């Protein structure tokens, strides 16, 4: 599972839990079933649910404490045909509907969220750093400050370069990031390319950025992709949001 430096910092910054701080609501606007997964960062306890099924048009919710930092995603093409619960995209390899502390196997669209303590400043984003599988958005419901929604509503699979495609039964079901596809430092922002100055956007990251300008497209895509809100009591995550 790929993690950028900003996300690792946020995980380490919140080591102790307090009381209930926010409710995360999930709505599936896709024409197919998704199986959302949840992952709490660091070594902290997982949420009350770490995965569930969400049919087209259905909604569900989960409470998060304060402070909290973690990520959410959607799995697709899931079944128990092999005797274990497995998914065609963004599987967490737990063998169960719940991910139980395991993250999404790339490629996967991610929503990353940090809920601050004592009504402080929350941070959130939609990330394609690990690639793309499902359009997603996150929007604070209430709170103060900028509190803008962040969305990747486009179907990047439809424009995914052939060398990044994940194909099943002749259909592109996910789009790898160049880091996942090639593992080279210039795409992963590692080694000699481990700083913002030495790891600029590439032709591949721009495919993601052009389709979803608000979402992270590579590790240092910070300025246009990180959003903030103070003390929002609820965050709405939508799969297949409207353009």
C-alpha atoms as a PDB file:
ATOM      1  CA  UNK A   1       0.000   0.000   0.000  1.00  0.00           C
ATOM      2  CA  UNK A   2       1.523   3.317  -1.071  1.00  0.00           C
ATOM      3  CA  UNK A   3       1.492   6.199   1.463  1.00  0.00           C
ATOM      4  CA  UNK A   4       2.733   9.729   0.854  1.00  0.00           C
ATOM      5  CA  UNK A   5       4.766  11.603   3.456  1.00  0.00           C
ATOM      6  CA  UNK A   6       1.889  13.898   4.418  1.00  0.00           C
ATOM      7  CA  UNK A   7      -0.372  10.954   5.251  1.00  0.00           C
ATOM      8  CA  UNK A   8       2.320   9.288   7.380  1.00  0.00           C
ATOM      9  CA  UNK A   9       2.769  12.528   9.293  1.00  0.00           C
ATOM     10  CA  UNK A  10      -0.953  12.735   9.991  1.00  0.00           C
ATOM     11  CA  UNK A  11      -1.007   9.141  11.224  1.00  0.00           C
ATOM     12  CA  UNK A  12       1.814   9.808  13.687  1.00  0.00           C
ATOM     13  CA  UNK A  13       0.324  13.091  14.858  1.00  0.00           C
ATOM     14  CA  UNK A  14      -2.749  11.511  16.424  1.00  0.00           C
ATOM     15  CA  UNK A  15      -1.759   8.720  18.792  1.00  0.00           C
ATOM     16  CA  UNK A  16      -4.518   8.903  21.412  1.00  0.00           C
ATOM     17  CA  UNK A  17      -8.282   8.796  21.069  1.00  0.00           C
ATOM     18  CA  UNK A  18     -10.896  10.907  22.812  1.00  0.00           C
ATOM     19  CA  UNK A  19     -14.665  10.890  22.604  1.00  0.00           C
ATOM     20  CA  UNK A  20     -16.929  10.666  19.557  1.00  0.00           C
ATOM     21  CA  UNK A  21     -16.155  13.543  17.201  1.00  0.00           C
ATOM     22  CA  UNK A  22     -17.810  12.997  13.830  1.00  0.00           C
ATOM     23  CA  UNK A  23     -20.100  10.746  11.849  1.00  0.00           C
ATOM     24  CA  UNK A  24     -18.975   9.547   8.436  1.00  0.00           C
ATOM     25  CA  UNK A  25     -21.896   8.823   6.122  1.00  0.00           C
ATOM     26  CA  UNK A  26     -21.509   6.748   2.954  1.00  0.00           C
ATOM     27  CA  UNK A  27     -23.823   6.857  -0.077  1.00  0.00           C
ATOM     28  CA  UNK A  28     -23.481   4.681  -3.155  1.00  0.00           C
ATOM     29  CA  UNK A  29     -24.586   6.516  -6.295  1.00  0.00           C
ATOM     30  CA  UNK A  30     -22.918   3.935  -8.557  1.00  0.00           C
ATOM     31  CA  UNK A  31     -24.996   1.584 -10.664  1.00  0.00           C
ATOM     32  CA  UNK A  32     -23.185  -1.344  -9.077  1.00  0.00           C
ATOM     33  CA  UNK A  33     -22.591  -2.591  -5.536  1.00  0.00           C
ATOM     34  CA  UNK A  34     -19.472  -1.445  -3.710  1.00  0.00           C
ATOM     35  CA  UNK A  35     -17.922  -2.692  -0.471  1.00  0.00           C
ATOM     36  CA  UNK A  36     -16.460   0.272   1.450  1.00  0.00           C
ATOM     37  CA  UNK A  37     -13.380  -0.341   3.578  1.00  0.00           C
ATOM     38  CA  UNK A  38     -12.061   1.679   6.520  1.00  0.00           C
ATOM     39  CA  UNK A  39      -8.533   1.865   7.922  1.00  0.00           C
ATOM     40  CA  UNK A  40      -7.390   3.714  11.031  1.00  0.00           C
ATOM     41  CA  UNK A  41      -3.851   5.064  10.767  1.00  0.00           C
ATOM     42  CA  UNK A  42      -0.927   4.227  13.020  1.00  0.00           C
ATOM     43  CA  UNK A  43      -1.333   1.562  15.705  1.00  0.00           C
ATOM     44  CA  UNK A  44      -4.696   2.835  16.933  1.00  0.00           C
ATOM     45  CA  UNK A  45      -7.834   0.732  17.285  1.00  0.00           C
ATOM     46  CA  UNK A  46      -9.959   0.221  14.191  1.00  0.00           C
ATOM     47  CA  UNK A  47     -13.467   1.644  13.856  1.00  0.00           C
ATOM     48  CA  UNK A  48     -16.587  -0.315  14.796  1.00  0.00           C
ATOM     49  CA  UNK A  49     -16.818  -1.457  11.165  1.00  0.00           C
ATOM     50  CA  UNK A  50     -13.895  -1.982   8.819  1.00  0.00           C
ATOM     51  CA  UNK A  51     -15.947  -3.034   5.792  1.00  0.00           C
ATOM     52  CA  UNK A  52     -19.515  -3.540   4.623  1.00  0.00           C
ATOM     53  CA  UNK A  53     -21.670  -3.985   1.523  1.00  0.00           C
ATOM     54  CA  UNK A  54     -23.397  -0.999  -0.044  1.00  0.00           C
ATOM     55  CA  UNK A  55     -25.924  -1.660  -2.815  1.00  0.00           C
ATOM     56  CA  UNK A  56     -26.764   0.970  -5.469  1.00  0.00           C
ATOM     57  CA  UNK A  57     -28.664   3.807  -3.821  1.00  0.00           C
ATOM     58  CA  UNK A  58     -27.917   2.583  -0.287  1.00  0.00           C
ATOM     59  CA  UNK A  59     -26.375   4.503   2.606  1.00  0.00           C
ATOM     60  CA  UNK A  60     -24.579   3.657   5.851  1.00  0.00           C
ATOM     61  CA  UNK A  61     -22.575   5.485   8.496  1.00  0.00           C
ATOM     62  CA  UNK A  62     -19.819   5.025  11.060  1.00  0.00           C
ATOM     63  CA  UNK A  63     -18.695   7.171  13.984  1.00  0.00           C
ATOM     64  CA  UNK A  64     -15.078   8.268  14.410  1.00  0.00           C
ATOM     65  CA  UNK A  65     -13.471   9.557  17.630  1.00  0.00           C
ATOM     66  CA  UNK A  66     -11.356  12.658  18.135  1.00  0.00           C
ATOM     67  CA  UNK A  67      -8.550  12.842  17.237  1.00  0.00           C
ATOM     68  CA  UNK A  68      -8.596  10.321  14.399  1.00  0.00           C
ATOM     69  CA  UNK A  69      -6.725   9.793  11.141  1.00  0.00           C
ATOM     70  CA  UNK A  70      -7.382   7.198   8.456  1.00  0.00           C
ATOM     71  CA  UNK A  71      -8.714   6.389   5.035  1.00  0.00           C
ATOM     72  CA  UNK A  72     -11.768   5.035   3.237  1.00  0.00           C
ATOM     73  CA  UNK A  73     -12.203   3.347  -0.146  1.00  0.00           C
ATOM     74  CA  UNK A  74     -14.576   1.153  -2.153  1.00  0.00           C
ATOM     75  CA  UNK A  75     -13.980  -2.414  -3.293  1.00  0.00           C
ATOM     76  CA  UNK A  76     -15.670  -3.724  -6.423  1.00  0.00           C
ATOM     77  CA  UNK A  77     -16.418  -7.099  -7.960  1.00  0.00           C
ATOM     78  CA  UNK A  78     -16.489  -8.868  -4.601  1.00  0.00           C
ATOM     79  CA  UNK A  79     -17.641 -12.440  -3.994  1.00  0.00           C
ATOM     80  CA  UNK A  80     -17.047 -15.586  -1.937  1.00  0.00           C
ATOM     81  CA  UNK A  81     -16.814 -17.869  -4.989  1.00  0.00           C
ATOM     82  CA  UNK A  82     -13.336 -19.023  -3.944  1.00  0.00           C
ATOM     83  CA  UNK A  83     -14.455 -19.805  -0.396  1.00  0.00           C
ATOM     84  CA  UNK A  84     -12.959 -16.537   0.830  1.00  0.00           C
ATOM     85  CA  UNK A  85     -14.277 -13.027   0.394  1.00  0.00           C
ATOM     86  CA  UNK A  86     -12.250 -11.470  -2.432  1.00  0.00           C
ATOM     87  CA  UNK A  87     -12.660  -8.394  -4.622  1.00  0.00           C
ATOM     88  CA  UNK A  88     -11.587  -7.568  -8.164  1.00  0.00           C
ATOM     89  CA  UNK A  89     -10.376  -4.075  -7.153  1.00  0.00           C
ATOM     90  CA  UNK A  90      -9.099  -2.516  -3.909  1.00  0.00           C
ATOM     91  CA  UNK A  91      -9.204  -5.844  -2.048  1.00  0.00           C
ATOM     92  CA  UNK A  92      -7.781  -5.774   1.474  1.00  0.00           C
ATOM     93  CA  UNK A  93      -6.979  -9.520   1.435  1.00  0.00           C
ATOM     94  CA  UNK A  94      -8.599 -10.166   4.808  1.00  0.00           C
ATOM     95  CA  UNK A  95     -10.771 -12.918   3.378  1.00  0.00           C
ATOM     96  CA  UNK A  96     -13.755 -11.234   5.022  1.00  0.00           C
ATOM     97  CA  UNK A  97     -16.101  -8.317   4.334  1.00  0.00           C
ATOM     98  CA  UNK A  98     -14.354  -6.437   7.136  1.00  0.00           C
ATOM     99  CA  UNK A  99     -10.767  -5.415   6.374  1.00  0.00           C
ATOM    100  CA  UNK A 100      -9.742  -5.767  10.040  1.00  0.00           C
ATOM    101  CA  UNK A 101      -6.826  -3.340   9.918  1.00  0.00           C
ATOM    102  CA  UNK A 102      -5.658  -4.111   6.380  1.00  0.00           C
ATOM    103  CA  UNK A 103      -5.533  -1.442   3.681  1.00  0.00           C
ATOM    104  CA  UNK A 104      -6.600  -1.444   0.059  1.00  0.00           C
ATOM    105  CA  UNK A 105      -4.368  -3.209  -2.450  1.00  0.00           C
ATOM    106  CA  UNK A 106      -3.668  -0.683  -5.240  1.00  0.00           C
ATOM    107  CA  UNK A 107      -5.008   0.564  -7.505  1.00  0.00           C
ATOM    108  CA  UNK A 108      -7.644   2.210  -5.344  1.00  0.00           C
ATOM    109  CA  UNK A 109      -9.238   5.621  -5.027  1.00  0.00           C
ATOM    110  CA  UNK A 110      -8.845   6.803  -1.432  1.00  0.00           C
ATOM    111  CA  UNK A 111     -10.478   9.371   0.821  1.00  0.00           C
ATOM    112  CA  UNK A 112      -8.062  10.430   3.562  1.00  0.00           C
ATOM    113  CA  UNK A 113      -9.355  12.216   6.660  1.00  0.00           C
ATOM    114  CA  UNK A 114      -7.814  13.596   9.838  1.00  0.00           C
ATOM    115  CA  UNK A 115     -10.245  14.695  12.546  1.00  0.00           C
ATOM    116  CA  UNK A 116      -8.563  17.093  14.954  1.00  0.00           C
ATOM    117  CA  UNK A 117      -9.083  17.128  18.721  1.00  0.00           C
ATOM    118  CA  UNK A 118     -11.024  19.828  20.591  1.00  0.00           C
ATOM    119  CA  UNK A 119     -12.797  21.174  17.516  1.00  0.00           C
ATOM    120  CA  UNK A 120      -9.539  21.892  15.730  1.00  0.00           C
ATOM    121  CA  UNK A 121      -8.758  21.960  12.030  1.00  0.00           C
ATOM    122  CA  UNK A 122      -9.605  18.779  10.136  1.00  0.00           C
ATOM    123  CA  UNK A 123      -7.764  17.806   6.948  1.00  0.00           C
ATOM    124  CA  UNK A 124      -9.200  15.688   4.137  1.00  0.00           C
ATOM    125  CA  UNK A 125      -8.609  14.801   0.504  1.00  0.00           C
ATOM    126  CA  UNK A 126      -9.396  12.426  -2.336  1.00  0.00           C
ATOM    127  CA  UNK A 127      -6.266  10.622  -3.481  1.00  0.00           C
ATOM    128  CA  UNK A 128      -5.316   8.846  -6.699  1.00  0.00           C
ATOM    129  CA  UNK A 129      -1.720   8.365  -5.536  1.00  0.00           C
ATOM    130  CA  UNK A 130      -2.520   4.641  -5.251  1.00  0.00           C
ATOM    131  CA  UNK A 131      -4.336   4.694  -8.596  1.00  0.00           C
ATOM    132  CA  UNK A 132      -8.065   4.762  -9.326  1.00  0.00           C
ATOM    133  CA  UNK A 133     -10.955   2.335  -9.231  1.00  0.00           C
ATOM    134  CA  UNK A 134     -14.152   4.209  -8.253  1.00  0.00           C
ATOM    135  CA  UNK A 135     -15.166   7.908  -8.405  1.00  0.00           C
ATOM    136  CA  UNK A 136     -15.391   9.338  -4.869  1.00  0.00           C
ATOM    137  CA  UNK A 137     -16.036  12.562  -2.996  1.00  0.00           C
ATOM    138  CA  UNK A 138     -15.956  13.826   0.588  1.00  0.00           C
ATOM    139  CA  UNK A 139     -17.888  16.826   1.855  1.00  0.00           C
ATOM    140  CA  UNK A 140     -18.095  18.266   5.379  1.00  0.00           C
ATOM    141  CA  UNK A 141     -21.614  18.805   6.700  1.00  0.00           C
ATOM    142  CA  UNK A 142     -21.372  21.905   8.861  1.00  0.00           C
ATOM    143  CA  UNK A 143     -18.278  23.200  10.609  1.00  0.00           C
ATOM    144  CA  UNK A 144     -16.485  26.484  10.046  1.00  0.00           C
ATOM    145  CA  UNK A 145     -13.715  27.731   7.793  1.00  0.00           C
ATOM    146  CA  UNK A 146     -13.359  26.847   4.121  1.00  0.00           C
ATOM    147  CA  UNK A 147     -15.126  23.457   4.447  1.00  0.00           C
ATOM    148  CA  UNK A 148     -15.221  22.778   0.681  1.00  0.00           C
ATOM    149  CA  UNK A 149     -16.036  19.420  -0.798  1.00  0.00           C
ATOM    150  CA  UNK A 150     -13.299  17.427  -2.512  1.00  0.00           C
ATOM    151  CA  UNK A 151     -14.293  15.224  -5.409  1.00  0.00           C
ATOM    152  CA  UNK A 152     -13.011  12.917  -8.132  1.00  0.00           C
ATOM    153  CA  UNK A 153     -16.235  12.386 -10.111  1.00  0.00           C
ATOM    154  CA  UNK A 154     -14.655  11.321 -13.415  1.00  0.00           C
ATOM    155  CA  UNK A 155     -14.304   7.729 -14.547  1.00  0.00           C
ATOM    156  CA  UNK A 156     -10.534   7.685 -15.033  1.00  0.00           C
ATOM    157  CA  UNK A 157     -10.742   4.061 -16.187  1.00  0.00           C
ATOM    158  CA  UNK A 158     -12.164   5.327 -19.474  1.00  0.00           C
ATOM    159  CA  UNK A 159      -8.967   7.266 -20.295  1.00  0.00           C
ATOM    160  CA  UNK A 160      -6.414   5.061 -18.532  1.00  0.00           C
ATOM    161  CA  UNK A 161      -3.263   4.469 -20.635  1.00  0.00           C
ATOM    162  CA  UNK A 162      -2.929   0.819 -21.702  1.00  0.00           C
ATOM    163  CA  UNK A 163       0.212   0.285 -19.623  1.00  0.00           C
ATOM    164  CA  UNK A 164      -1.668   1.304 -16.458  1.00  0.00           C
ATOM    165  CA  UNK A 165      -4.882  -0.613 -17.062  1.00  0.00           C
ATOM    166  CA  UNK A 166      -6.288  -3.424 -14.931  1.00  0.00           C
ATOM    167  CA  UNK A 167      -8.525  -5.430 -17.261  1.00  0.00           C
ATOM    168  CA  UNK A 168     -11.141  -8.071 -16.456  1.00  0.00           C
ATOM    169  CA  UNK A 169     -13.354  -9.744 -19.068  1.00  0.00           C
ATOM    170  CA  UNK A 170     -12.295  -7.135 -21.598  1.00  0.00           C
ATOM    171  CA  UNK A 171     -13.240  -4.184 -19.364  1.00  0.00           C
ATOM    172  CA  UNK A 172     -10.904  -1.715 -17.641  1.00  0.00           C
ATOM    173  CA  UNK A 173     -11.839  -2.022 -13.964  1.00  0.00           C
ATOM    174  CA  UNK A 174      -9.016   0.058 -12.441  1.00  0.00           C
ATOM    175  CA  UNK A 175      -6.120   2.320 -13.396  1.00  0.00           C
ATOM    176  CA  UNK A 176      -2.721   1.900 -11.756  1.00  0.00           C
ATOM    177  CA  UNK A 177      -0.560   4.819 -10.772  1.00  0.00           C
ATOM    178  CA  UNK A 178       2.799   4.888 -12.554  1.00  0.00           C
ATOM    179  CA  UNK A 179       4.478   4.077  -9.236  1.00  0.00           C
ATOM    180  CA  UNK A 180       2.371   0.933  -8.843  1.00  0.00           C
ATOM    181  CA  UNK A 181       2.806  -0.038 -12.498  1.00  0.00           C
ATOM    182  CA  UNK A 182       6.559   0.545 -12.872  1.00  0.00           C
ATOM    183  CA  UNK A 183       7.970   0.897  -9.341  1.00  0.00           C
ATOM    184  CA  UNK A 184      10.530   3.459 -10.497  1.00  0.00           C
ATOM    185  CA  UNK A 185      11.790   6.253  -8.191  1.00  0.00           C
ATOM    186  CA  UNK A 186      10.806   9.083 -10.532  1.00  0.00           C
ATOM    187  CA  UNK A 187       7.183   7.938 -10.315  1.00  0.00           C
ATOM    188  CA  UNK A 188       7.218   6.946  -6.632  1.00  0.00           C
ATOM    189  CA  UNK A 189       9.059  10.083  -5.395  1.00  0.00           C
ATOM    190  CA  UNK A 190      11.718   7.966  -3.684  1.00  0.00           C
ATOM    191  CA  UNK A 191      15.519   7.849  -3.706  1.00  0.00           C
ATOM    192  CA  UNK A 192      16.961  10.708  -5.735  1.00  0.00           C
ATOM    193  CA  UNK A 193      13.396  11.885  -6.406  1.00  0.00           C
ATOM    194  CA  UNK A 194      12.270  12.113  -2.764  1.00  0.00           C
ATOM    195  CA  UNK A 195      11.662  15.869  -2.585  1.00  0.00           C
ATOM    196  CA  UNK A 196       9.082  18.143  -4.138  1.00  0.00           C
ATOM    197  CA  UNK A 197      11.791  19.820  -6.218  1.00  0.00           C
ATOM    198  CA  UNK A 198      13.050  16.536  -7.698  1.00  0.00           C
ATOM    199  CA  UNK A 199       9.672  14.836  -8.149  1.00  0.00           C
ATOM    200  CA  UNK A 200       7.503  17.003 -10.414  1.00  0.00           C
ATOM    201  CA  UNK A 201       4.300  15.822 -12.142  1.00  0.00           C
ATOM    202  CA  UNK A 202       4.752  13.253 -14.911  1.00  0.00           C
ATOM    203  CA  UNK A 203       2.781  12.475 -18.045  1.00  0.00           C
ATOM    204  CA  UNK A 204       1.069   9.699 -16.089  1.00  0.00           C
ATOM    205  CA  UNK A 205       0.164  11.701 -12.996  1.00  0.00           C
ATOM    206  CA  UNK A 206      -1.268  14.390 -15.284  1.00  0.00           C
ATOM    207  CA  UNK A 207      -3.752  11.857 -16.692  1.00  0.00           C
ATOM    208  CA  UNK A 208      -5.241  11.643 -13.188  1.00  0.00           C
ATOM    209  CA  UNK A 209      -4.923  15.388 -12.510  1.00  0.00           C
ATOM    210  CA  UNK A 210      -6.608  16.421 -15.745  1.00  0.00           C
ATOM    211  CA  UNK A 211      -9.582  14.190 -14.985  1.00  0.00           C
ATOM    212  CA  UNK A 212      -9.855  15.075 -11.284  1.00  0.00           C
ATOM    213  CA  UNK A 213      -8.190  18.446 -10.561  1.00  0.00           C
ATOM    214  CA  UNK A 214      -9.155  18.402  -6.858  1.00  0.00           C
ATOM    215  CA  UNK A 215      -7.637  14.983  -6.130  1.00  0.00           C
ATOM    216  CA  UNK A 216      -4.055  14.044  -5.301  1.00  0.00           C
ATOM    217  CA  UNK A 217      -2.346  12.747  -8.431  1.00  0.00           C
ATOM    218  CA  UNK A 218       1.123  12.036  -6.982  1.00  0.00           C
ATOM    219  CA  UNK A 219       2.911  12.326  -3.633  1.00  0.00           C
ATOM    220  CA  UNK A 220       3.698  16.070  -3.746  1.00  0.00           C
ATOM    221  CA  UNK A 221       0.435  17.248  -5.274  1.00  0.00           C
ATOM    222  CA  UNK A 222      -0.426  19.211  -2.127  1.00  0.00           C
ATOM    223  CA  UNK A 223      -1.422  22.771  -3.005  1.00  0.00           C
ATOM    224  CA  UNK A 224      -4.640  22.019  -4.896  1.00  0.00           C
ATOM    225  CA  UNK A 225      -5.602  18.788  -3.184  1.00  0.00           C
ATOM    226  CA  UNK A 226      -5.677  19.245   0.616  1.00  0.00           C
ATOM    227  CA  UNK A 227      -8.874  20.674   2.144  1.00  0.00           C
ATOM    228  CA  UNK A 228      -9.656  21.863   5.672  1.00  0.00           C
ATOM    229  CA  UNK A 229     -12.615  22.438   7.969  1.00  0.00           C
ATOM    230  CA  UNK A 230     -13.001  23.209  11.670  1.00  0.00           C
ATOM    231  CA  UNK A 231     -15.199  20.993  13.854  1.00  0.00           C
ATOM    232  CA  UNK A 232     -17.478  19.439  11.243  1.00  0.00           C
ATOM    233  CA  UNK A 233     -19.901  17.024  12.957  1.00  0.00           C
ATOM    234  CA  UNK A 234     -20.374  14.952   9.820  1.00  0.00           C
ATOM    235  CA  UNK A 235     -18.520  14.071   6.631  1.00  0.00           C
ATOM    236  CA  UNK A 236     -20.426  12.703   3.640  1.00  0.00           C
ATOM    237  CA  UNK A 237     -18.542  10.278   1.401  1.00  0.00           C
ATOM    238  CA  UNK A 238     -20.182   9.527  -1.928  1.00  0.00           C
ATOM    239  CA  UNK A 239     -19.269   6.840  -4.422  1.00  0.00           C
ATOM    240  CA  UNK A 240     -19.891   7.923  -8.044  1.00  0.00           C
ATOM    241  CA  UNK A 241     -20.739  11.545  -7.152  1.00  0.00           C
ATOM    242  CA  UNK A 242     -22.324  13.793  -9.745  1.00  0.00           C
ATOM    243  CA  UNK A 243     -20.014  15.877 -11.926  1.00  0.00           C
END
